[in-house]
Amino acid sequence: MTTTELTLSPAAAQRLHEIGAVEGKPIMLRIAVEGGGCSGFQYQFDLVDAAEPDDLKIERDGAAALVDEMSLVLLKGSEIDFVDELAGAEFKVRNPNAKSSCGCGVSFSI
């Protein structure tokens, strides 16, 4: 199943292609929201090579991210991005639903 309620940025798509090239096979990014972290919820990122039957797929330029339906509720309207900054390179969620987040940007509250 494909959804447009969550988007993948061009930078995130490019990074997934780069990782796949190194691995020698297509790689997808699985995003989930779990309870925990210093703000109430936290993002979980995993690189996988296959989708689960109940995954929702977000695609851009031939790259894909996966999310489960429960997490999508908290991620609706978000963009999955990849940033390469002085502090490090990472996938990041730009979530318009988050009322606050911790300094590291991994946990948030709604």
Protein backbone atom coordinates (compact mmCIF):
# COMPACT_ATOMS: atom_id res chain seq x y z
CA MET A 1 0.00 0.00 0.00
CA THR A 2 1.28 3.51 -0.83
CA THR A 3 0.47 6.68 1.11
CA THR A 4 0.99 10.40 0.56
CA GLU A 5 0.29 11.36 4.19
CA LEU A 6 4.03 11.10 4.79
CA THR A 7 6.69 12.25 2.32
CA LEU A 8 10.30 11.40 1.63
CA SER A 9 12.57 14.34 0.78
CA PRO A 10 14.87 14.30 -2.26
CA ALA A 11 17.88 14.18 0.10
CA ALA A 12 16.47 11.14 1.95
CA ALA A 13 15.75 9.37 -1.35
CA GLN A 14 19.28 10.10 -2.57
CA ARG A 15 20.82 8.76 0.65
CA LEU A 16 18.78 5.56 0.42
CA HIS A 17 20.07 5.07 -3.14
CA GLU A 18 23.65 5.61 -1.91
CA ILE A 19 23.24 3.05 0.88
CA GLY A 20 21.69 0.59 -1.56
CA ALA A 21 24.61 1.04 -3.97
CA VAL A 22 27.09 0.20 -1.20
CA GLU A 23 25.00 -2.79 -0.09
CA GLY A 24 24.50 -3.98 -3.67
CA LYS A 25 20.70 -4.15 -3.29
CA PRO A 26 17.78 -1.74 -2.77
CA ILE A 27 17.42 -0.61 0.84
CA MET A 28 14.29 0.85 2.43
CA LEU A 29 13.99 2.98 5.56
CA ARG A 30 11.50 1.75 8.16
CA ILE A 31 10.17 4.52 10.44
CA ALA A 32 8.17 3.78 13.57
CA VAL A 33 7.01 5.78 16.58
CA GLU A 34 7.36 4.19 20.01
CA GLY A 35 6.51 5.36 23.49
CA GLY A 36 9.55 6.59 25.40
CA GLY A 37 12.34 9.09 25.09
CA CYS A 38 12.56 12.26 27.11
CA SER A 39 9.49 13.85 25.45
CA GLY A 40 6.97 10.97 25.41
CA PHE A 41 7.42 9.44 21.93
CA GLN A 42 10.54 8.53 20.00
CA TYR A 43 11.34 7.80 16.38
CA GLN A 44 12.80 4.42 15.48
CA PHE A 45 14.73 4.09 12.19
CA ASP A 46 15.84 0.80 10.61
CA LEU A 47 17.28 -0.04 7.20
CA VAL A 48 15.56 -3.09 5.69
CA ASP A 49 15.52 -4.87 2.34
CA ALA A 50 11.93 -6.13 2.47
CA ALA A 51 8.54 -4.76 3.49
CA GLU A 52 6.22 -6.46 5.96
CA PRO A 53 2.69 -7.30 4.71
CA ASP A 54 1.06 -4.47 6.70
CA ASP A 55 3.63 -1.76 5.87
CA LEU A 56 2.61 1.43 4.12
CA LYS A 57 5.15 2.46 1.49
CA ILE A 58 6.26 6.04 0.80
CA GLU A 59 8.20 6.43 -2.44
CA ARG A 60 10.26 9.11 -4.14
CA ASP A 61 12.59 8.79 -7.13
CA GLY A 62 12.66 5.01 -6.81
CA ALA A 63 13.55 5.05 -3.09
CA ALA A 64 11.14 3.90 -0.40
CA ALA A 65 10.36 4.33 3.28
CA LEU A 66 8.02 2.08 5.24
CA VAL A 67 5.71 2.89 8.14
CA ASP A 68 3.10 0.96 10.09
CA GLU A 69 -0.47 2.27 10.37
CA MET A 70 -0.22 3.04 14.10
CA SER A 71 2.89 5.20 13.59
CA LEU A 72 1.35 6.95 10.59
CA VAL A 73 -1.27 8.52 12.88
CA LEU A 74 1.53 10.37 14.72
CA LEU A 75 3.52 11.09 11.55
CA LYS A 76 0.67 12.40 9.36
CA GLY A 77 1.87 15.37 7.29
CA SER A 78 5.54 14.77 8.16
CA GLU A 79 8.56 14.74 5.88
CA ILE A 80 11.39 12.25 6.26
CA ASP A 81 14.62 14.08 5.43
CA PHE A 82 18.33 13.34 5.46
CA VAL A 83 20.64 16.03 6.82
CA ASP A 84 24.43 16.13 6.71
CA GLU A 85 25.59 18.76 9.17
CA LEU A 86 28.68 19.48 11.21
CA ALA A 87 27.15 17.59 14.15
CA GLY A 88 26.57 14.49 11.99
CA ALA A 89 24.54 12.95 9.21
CA GLU A 90 21.15 11.41 9.95
CA PHE A 91 17.61 10.76 8.81
CA LYS A 92 15.30 13.27 10.46
CA VAL A 93 11.53 13.64 10.78
CA ARG A 94 10.02 17.09 10.22
CA ASN A 95 6.76 16.51 12.09
CA PRO A 96 4.17 19.33 12.10
CA ASN A 97 2.22 17.48 14.84
CA ALA A 98 5.04 17.64 17.40
CA LYS A 99 4.36 20.29 20.04
CA SER A 100 7.87 19.93 21.47
CA SER A 101 10.94 17.80 20.98
CA CYS A 102 14.15 17.06 22.83
CA GLY A 103 17.47 18.60 21.90
CA CYS A 104 18.59 15.58 19.87
CA GLY A 105 15.36 15.59 17.82
CA VAL A 106 14.69 11.87 18.32
CA SER A 107 11.85 12.20 20.83
CA PHE A 108 8.79 14.44 20.74
CA SER A 109 5.43 15.14 22.35
CA ILE A 110 2.03 15.81 20.81
